[in-house]
Amino acid sequence: GEAERAIASLRHGLNLNPNDPQNVAWHILLAYAQLLADQSKEALESANTALALRPHFGPTLEALACCAVALGRPDDAGQWLSRMKEADDPESHFLAPMRANQPDYDKRITRWLQNARA
């Protein structure tokens, strides 16, 4: 429930081990934390870093769609969602605990995804 505090922790973790093979997940989580802290431009940068690490990963594409909506770019959002059809893993399982425990965050993410599909 403390997105800004999570940003600092995620950045610290990424700095500690920049070559961790799971960093794609940490960059995606960082992107969502930044989105939820109303740092949309920074979130897009983090999601693009995840994209560079794993370009066909569904959660990366989903995060990019949310960023695009938050930045007022509906066409980009639709393109990211359409790319999810060819994704390696179309679902963001690692977001499930946060979404289950933070109903306000879940509502915001759900709204971004609904707007991306519109």
N, C-alpha and C. Protein backbone atom coordinates (compact mmCIF):
# COMPACT_ATOMS: atom_id res chain seq x y z
N GLY A 1 0.79 -1.20 0.00
CA GLY A 1 0.00 0.00 0.00
C GLY A 1 0.83 1.27 0.00
N GLU A 2 2.13 1.14 -0.08
CA GLU A 2 3.02 2.30 -0.08
C GLU A 2 3.88 2.28 -1.35
N ALA A 3 3.28 2.70 -2.43
CA ALA A 3 3.94 2.62 -3.73
C ALA A 3 5.26 3.37 -3.76
N GLU A 4 5.30 4.56 -3.19
CA GLU A 4 6.54 5.34 -3.23
C GLU A 4 7.66 4.65 -2.46
N ARG A 5 7.32 4.06 -1.34
CA ARG A 5 8.33 3.32 -0.58
C ARG A 5 8.79 2.08 -1.35
N ALA A 6 7.87 1.45 -2.04
CA ALA A 6 8.21 0.27 -2.85
C ALA A 6 9.18 0.65 -3.97
N ILE A 7 9.01 1.84 -4.54
CA ILE A 7 9.90 2.28 -5.62
C ILE A 7 11.34 2.29 -5.13
N ALA A 8 11.57 2.87 -3.97
CA ALA A 8 12.93 2.94 -3.43
C ALA A 8 13.49 1.54 -3.19
N SER A 9 12.68 0.65 -2.63
CA SER A 9 13.14 -0.70 -2.35
C SER A 9 13.44 -1.47 -3.64
N LEU A 10 12.58 -1.34 -4.62
CA LEU A 10 12.80 -2.03 -5.89
C LEU A 10 14.06 -1.51 -6.59
N ARG A 11 14.24 -0.21 -6.60
CA ARG A 11 15.45 0.36 -7.21
C ARG A 11 16.69 -0.15 -6.49
N HIS A 12 16.64 -0.17 -5.17
CA HIS A 12 17.78 -0.64 -4.38
C HIS A 12 18.10 -2.10 -4.75
N GLY A 13 17.09 -2.93 -4.80
CA GLY A 13 17.28 -4.34 -5.16
C GLY A 13 17.86 -4.51 -6.55
N LEU A 14 17.37 -3.72 -7.50
CA LEU A 14 17.89 -3.80 -8.86
C LEU A 14 19.36 -3.36 -8.92
N ASN A 15 19.72 -2.38 -8.11
CA ASN A 15 21.11 -1.94 -8.06
C ASN A 15 22.02 -2.98 -7.42
N LEU A 16 21.50 -3.72 -6.45
CA LEU A 16 22.30 -4.75 -5.79
C LEU A 16 22.67 -5.89 -6.73
N ASN A 17 21.74 -6.25 -7.61
CA ASN A 17 21.99 -7.38 -8.50
C ASN A 17 21.44 -7.07 -9.90
N PRO A 18 22.16 -6.25 -10.66
CA PRO A 18 21.65 -5.85 -11.97
C PRO A 18 21.60 -6.99 -13.00
N ASN A 19 22.20 -8.13 -12.70
CA ASN A 19 22.22 -9.24 -13.66
C ASN A 19 21.33 -10.40 -13.24
N ASP A 20 20.48 -10.20 -12.27
CA ASP A 20 19.56 -11.24 -11.83
C ASP A 20 18.65 -11.62 -12.99
N PRO A 21 18.54 -12.91 -13.31
CA PRO A 21 17.68 -13.32 -14.43
C PRO A 21 16.19 -13.01 -14.19
N GLN A 22 15.81 -12.72 -12.95
CA GLN A 22 14.42 -12.38 -12.64
C GLN A 22 14.17 -10.87 -12.68
N ASN A 23 15.15 -10.10 -13.12
CA ASN A 23 14.98 -8.64 -13.10
C ASN A 23 13.82 -8.16 -13.94
N VAL A 24 13.41 -8.92 -14.93
CA VAL A 24 12.26 -8.48 -15.72
C VAL A 24 11.05 -8.30 -14.81
N ALA A 25 10.87 -9.23 -13.88
CA ALA A 25 9.73 -9.13 -12.95
C ALA A 25 9.88 -7.91 -12.05
N TRP A 26 11.10 -7.64 -11.59
CA TRP A 26 11.33 -6.49 -10.71
C TRP A 26 11.11 -5.18 -11.45
N HIS A 27 11.49 -5.13 -12.72
CA HIS A 27 11.25 -3.90 -13.50
C HIS A 27 9.75 -3.69 -13.73
N ILE A 28 9.02 -4.78 -13.93
CA ILE A 28 7.57 -4.67 -14.10
C ILE A 28 6.93 -4.19 -12.80
N LEU A 29 7.34 -4.78 -11.68
CA LEU A 29 6.81 -4.33 -10.39
C LEU A 29 7.16 -2.88 -10.13
N LEU A 30 8.37 -2.47 -10.51
CA LEU A 30 8.76 -1.07 -10.37
C LEU A 30 7.87 -0.18 -11.22
N ALA A 31 7.57 -0.61 -12.44
CA ALA A 31 6.69 0.17 -13.32
C ALA A 31 5.32 0.36 -12.67
N TYR A 32 4.76 -0.71 -12.11
CA TYR A 32 3.45 -0.58 -11.46
C TYR A 32 3.53 0.32 -10.23
N ALA A 33 4.58 0.18 -9.44
CA ALA A 33 4.73 1.05 -8.27
C ALA A 33 4.79 2.51 -8.71
N GLN A 34 5.51 2.77 -9.78
CA GLN A 34 5.62 4.14 -10.28
C GLN A 34 4.27 4.62 -10.82
N LEU A 35 3.55 3.77 -11.52
CA LEU A 35 2.21 4.15 -12.00
C LEU A 35 1.30 4.49 -10.82
N LEU A 36 1.33 3.65 -9.81
CA LEU A 36 0.46 3.85 -8.65
C LEU A 36 0.88 5.05 -7.82
N ALA A 37 2.11 5.51 -7.99
CA ALA A 37 2.59 6.72 -7.32
C ALA A 37 2.48 7.93 -8.24
N ASP A 38 1.73 7.79 -9.33
CA ASP A 38 1.51 8.86 -10.31
C ASP A 38 2.81 9.34 -10.95
N GLN A 39 3.69 8.41 -11.24
CA GLN A 39 4.95 8.69 -11.94
C GLN A 39 4.93 7.94 -13.28
N SER A 40 4.01 8.34 -14.15
CA SER A 40 3.76 7.61 -15.38
C SER A 40 4.95 7.57 -16.33
N LYS A 41 5.66 8.66 -16.47
CA LYS A 41 6.81 8.68 -17.38
C LYS A 41 7.90 7.73 -16.90
N GLU A 42 8.15 7.74 -15.60
CA GLU A 42 9.15 6.84 -15.03
C GLU A 42 8.70 5.39 -15.16
N ALA A 43 7.39 5.16 -15.01
CA ALA A 43 6.84 3.81 -15.15
C ALA A 43 7.07 3.30 -16.57
N LEU A 44 6.87 4.16 -17.55
CA LEU A 44 7.10 3.76 -18.93
C LEU A 44 8.57 3.38 -19.15
N GLU A 45 9.48 4.12 -18.55
CA GLU A 45 10.91 3.78 -18.67
C GLU A 45 11.19 2.41 -18.06
N SER A 46 10.62 2.14 -16.91
CA SER A 46 10.82 0.84 -16.26
C SER A 46 10.22 -0.28 -17.09
N ALA A 47 9.03 -0.07 -17.63
CA ALA A 47 8.39 -1.09 -18.46
C ALA A 47 9.19 -1.32 -19.75
N ASN A 48 9.77 -0.26 -20.31
CA ASN A 48 10.60 -0.42 -21.50
C ASN A 48 11.88 -1.19 -21.19
N THR A 49 12.40 -1.03 -19.98
CA THR A 49 13.57 -1.81 -19.57
C THR A 49 13.19 -3.29 -19.51
N ALA A 50 12.01 -3.58 -18.96
CA ALA A 50 11.52 -4.96 -18.93
C ALA A 50 11.34 -5.50 -20.35
N LEU A 51 10.84 -4.66 -21.24
CA LEU A 51 10.65 -5.07 -22.63
C LEU A 51 11.98 -5.44 -23.29
N ALA A 52 13.02 -4.68 -23.00
CA ALA A 52 14.34 -4.98 -23.56
C ALA A 52 14.87 -6.31 -23.04
N LEU A 53 14.52 -6.65 -21.80
CA LEU A 53 14.98 -7.91 -21.22
C LEU A 53 14.22 -9.11 -21.74
N ARG A 54 12.92 -8.94 -21.94
CA ARG A 54 12.07 -10.05 -22.37
C ARG A 54 10.92 -9.51 -23.20
N PRO A 55 11.15 -9.36 -24.50
CA PRO A 55 10.18 -8.67 -25.37
C PRO A 55 8.87 -9.40 -25.64
N HIS A 56 8.78 -10.68 -25.32
CA HIS A 56 7.54 -11.42 -25.60
C HIS A 56 6.87 -11.92 -24.33
N PHE A 57 7.09 -11.22 -23.24
CA PHE A 57 6.54 -11.61 -21.94
C PHE A 57 5.25 -10.83 -21.71
N GLY A 58 4.15 -11.55 -21.54
CA GLY A 58 2.84 -10.92 -21.39
C GLY A 58 2.76 -9.86 -20.31
N PRO A 59 3.29 -10.11 -19.10
CA PRO A 59 3.22 -9.09 -18.07
C PRO A 59 3.92 -7.79 -18.45
N THR A 60 4.99 -7.88 -19.24
CA THR A 60 5.67 -6.67 -19.71
C THR A 60 4.74 -5.88 -20.63
N LEU A 61 4.09 -6.58 -21.54
CA LEU A 61 3.20 -5.93 -22.50
C LEU A 61 1.98 -5.33 -21.79
N GLU A 62 1.49 -6.04 -20.78
CA GLU A 62 0.37 -5.53 -19.99
C GLU A 62 0.77 -4.25 -19.25
N ALA A 63 1.96 -4.25 -18.66
CA ALA A 63 2.44 -3.05 -17.96
C ALA A 63 2.58 -1.89 -18.93
N LEU A 64 3.08 -2.17 -20.13
CA LEU A 64 3.21 -1.11 -21.13
C LEU A 64 1.84 -0.56 -21.54
N ALA A 65 0.84 -1.43 -21.62
CA ALA A 65 -0.52 -0.98 -21.95
C ALA A 65 -1.04 -0.06 -20.84
N CYS A 66 -0.81 -0.42 -19.60
CA CYS A 66 -1.24 0.42 -18.47
C CYS A 66 -0.53 1.77 -18.51
N CYS A 67 0.77 1.75 -18.79
CA CYS A 67 1.53 3.00 -18.89
C CYS A 67 0.97 3.88 -20.00
N ALA A 68 0.67 3.27 -21.13
CA ALA A 68 0.16 4.04 -22.26
C ALA A 68 -1.17 4.71 -21.90
N VAL A 69 -2.05 3.99 -21.23
CA VAL A 69 -3.32 4.57 -20.81
C VAL A 69 -3.07 5.73 -19.85
N ALA A 70 -2.20 5.51 -18.87
CA ALA A 70 -1.92 6.54 -17.88
C ALA A 70 -1.34 7.80 -18.53
N LEU A 71 -0.63 7.62 -19.63
CA LEU A 71 -0.02 8.75 -20.34
C LEU A 71 -0.94 9.33 -21.42
N GLY A 72 -2.17 8.78 -21.52
CA GLY A 72 -3.12 9.30 -22.51
C GLY A 72 -2.80 8.89 -23.94
N ARG A 73 -2.28 7.68 -24.10
CA ARG A 73 -1.92 7.16 -25.42
C ARG A 73 -2.71 5.88 -25.72
N PRO A 74 -4.00 6.01 -26.00
CA PRO A 74 -4.84 4.82 -26.17
C PRO A 74 -4.43 3.94 -27.36
N ASP A 75 -3.93 4.52 -28.43
CA ASP A 75 -3.51 3.71 -29.57
C ASP A 75 -2.34 2.81 -29.21
N ASP A 76 -1.38 3.36 -28.47
CA ASP A 76 -0.25 2.55 -28.01
C ASP A 76 -0.73 1.44 -27.10
N ALA A 77 -1.67 1.75 -26.22
CA ALA A 77 -2.19 0.74 -25.30
C ALA A 77 -2.80 -0.43 -26.06
N GLY A 78 -3.58 -0.14 -27.06
CA GLY A 78 -4.19 -1.19 -27.88
C GLY A 78 -3.16 -2.04 -28.60
N GLN A 79 -2.10 -1.41 -29.06
CA GLN A 79 -1.04 -2.17 -29.74
C GLN A 79 -0.33 -3.12 -28.78
N TRP A 80 -0.08 -2.65 -27.54
CA TRP A 80 0.57 -3.53 -26.56
C TRP A 80 -0.32 -4.71 -26.23
N LEU A 81 -1.62 -4.47 -26.08
CA LEU A 81 -2.52 -5.58 -25.77
C LEU A 81 -2.62 -6.56 -26.93
N SER A 82 -2.60 -6.06 -28.14
CA SER A 82 -2.67 -6.98 -29.28
C SER A 82 -1.42 -7.85 -29.38
N ARG A 83 -0.29 -7.33 -28.95
CA ARG A 83 0.95 -8.12 -28.94
C ARG A 83 0.89 -9.23 -27.89
N MET A 84 0.02 -9.09 -26.91
CA MET A 84 -0.09 -10.12 -25.88
C MET A 84 -0.58 -11.45 -26.44
N LYS A 85 -1.21 -11.45 -27.60
CA LYS A 85 -1.70 -12.69 -28.21
C LYS A 85 -0.54 -13.62 -28.54
N GLU A 86 0.64 -13.06 -28.77
CA GLU A 86 1.82 -13.87 -29.10
C GLU A 86 2.78 -13.97 -27.92
N ALA A 87 2.34 -13.59 -26.75
CA ALA A 87 3.21 -13.52 -25.57
C ALA A 87 3.58 -14.92 -25.06
N ASP A 88 4.76 -14.98 -24.42
CA ASP A 88 5.22 -16.22 -23.80
C ASP A 88 4.34 -16.63 -22.64
N ASP A 89 3.99 -15.68 -21.81
CA ASP A 89 3.15 -15.91 -20.63
C ASP A 89 2.19 -14.74 -20.55
N PRO A 90 0.93 -14.94 -20.90
CA PRO A 90 0.02 -13.81 -21.00
C PRO A 90 -0.46 -13.22 -19.68
N GLU A 91 -0.18 -13.86 -18.54
CA GLU A 91 -0.75 -13.37 -17.29
C GLU A 91 0.31 -12.90 -16.30
N SER A 92 -0.05 -11.93 -15.50
CA SER A 92 0.83 -11.37 -14.48
C SER A 92 0.59 -12.03 -13.13
N HIS A 93 0.99 -13.27 -12.99
CA HIS A 93 0.76 -14.00 -11.74
C HIS A 93 1.44 -13.35 -10.54
N PHE A 94 2.60 -12.75 -10.75
CA PHE A 94 3.33 -12.19 -9.62
C PHE A 94 2.70 -10.91 -9.10
N LEU A 95 1.71 -10.36 -9.80
CA LEU A 95 0.97 -9.20 -9.30
C LEU A 95 -0.23 -9.61 -8.44
N ALA A 96 -0.58 -10.87 -8.48
CA ALA A 96 -1.79 -11.33 -7.78
C ALA A 96 -1.79 -10.99 -6.28
N PRO A 97 -0.70 -11.22 -5.54
CA PRO A 97 -0.76 -10.87 -4.11
C PRO A 97 -1.00 -9.39 -3.86
N MET A 98 -0.34 -8.54 -4.62
CA MET A 98 -0.52 -7.10 -4.44
C MET A 98 -1.96 -6.70 -4.78
N ARG A 99 -2.47 -7.24 -5.87
CA ARG A 99 -3.83 -6.89 -6.28
C ARG A 99 -4.86 -7.40 -5.27
N ALA A 100 -4.61 -8.58 -4.68
CA ALA A 100 -5.54 -9.15 -3.71
C ALA A 100 -5.52 -8.37 -2.39
N ASN A 101 -4.36 -7.85 -2.02
CA ASN A 101 -4.23 -7.17 -0.73
C ASN A 101 -4.43 -5.67 -0.79
N GLN A 102 -4.47 -5.12 -1.98
CA GLN A 102 -4.62 -3.67 -2.13
C GLN A 102 -5.78 -3.39 -3.10
N PRO A 103 -7.01 -3.40 -2.62
CA PRO A 103 -8.16 -3.23 -3.51
C PRO A 103 -8.13 -1.94 -4.33
N ASP A 104 -7.61 -0.87 -3.76
CA ASP A 104 -7.55 0.39 -4.51
C ASP A 104 -6.58 0.26 -5.68
N TYR A 105 -5.45 -0.39 -5.46
CA TYR A 105 -4.49 -0.59 -6.53
C TYR A 105 -5.09 -1.51 -7.60
N ASP A 106 -5.79 -2.56 -7.15
CA ASP A 106 -6.41 -3.48 -8.08
C ASP A 106 -7.41 -2.75 -8.97
N LYS A 107 -8.20 -1.85 -8.38
CA LYS A 107 -9.18 -1.09 -9.16
C LYS A 107 -8.50 -0.21 -10.20
N ARG A 108 -7.40 0.42 -9.81
CA ARG A 108 -6.70 1.29 -10.77
C ARG A 108 -6.12 0.48 -11.92
N ILE A 109 -5.50 -0.65 -11.61
CA ILE A 109 -4.93 -1.49 -12.67
C ILE A 109 -6.03 -2.03 -13.57
N THR A 110 -7.12 -2.47 -12.96
CA THR A 110 -8.26 -2.96 -13.75
C THR A 110 -8.79 -1.87 -14.68
N ARG A 111 -8.89 -0.65 -14.17
CA ARG A 111 -9.37 0.47 -14.99
C ARG A 111 -8.41 0.76 -16.14
N TRP A 112 -7.10 0.74 -15.88
CA TRP A 112 -6.13 0.97 -16.96
C TRP A 112 -6.29 -0.09 -18.05
N LEU A 113 -6.43 -1.35 -17.63
CA LEU A 113 -6.57 -2.42 -18.62
C LEU A 113 -7.89 -2.32 -19.38
N GLN A 114 -8.96 -1.95 -18.70
CA GLN A 114 -10.24 -1.77 -19.40
C GLN A 114 -10.12 -0.63 -20.42
N ASN A 115 -9.48 0.45 -20.04
CA ASN A 115 -9.31 1.57 -20.97
C ASN A 115 -8.39 1.20 -22.12
N ALA A 116 -7.45 0.33 -21.89
CA ALA A 116 -6.57 -0.12 -22.97
C ALA A 116 -7.34 -0.94 -23.99
N ARG A 117 -8.34 -1.67 -23.51
CA ARG A 117 -9.15 -2.53 -24.41
C ARG A 117 -10.23 -1.74 -25.13
N ALA A 118 -10.52 -0.54 -24.65
CA ALA A 118 -11.63 0.26 -25.22
C ALA A 118 -11.32 0.74 -26.62
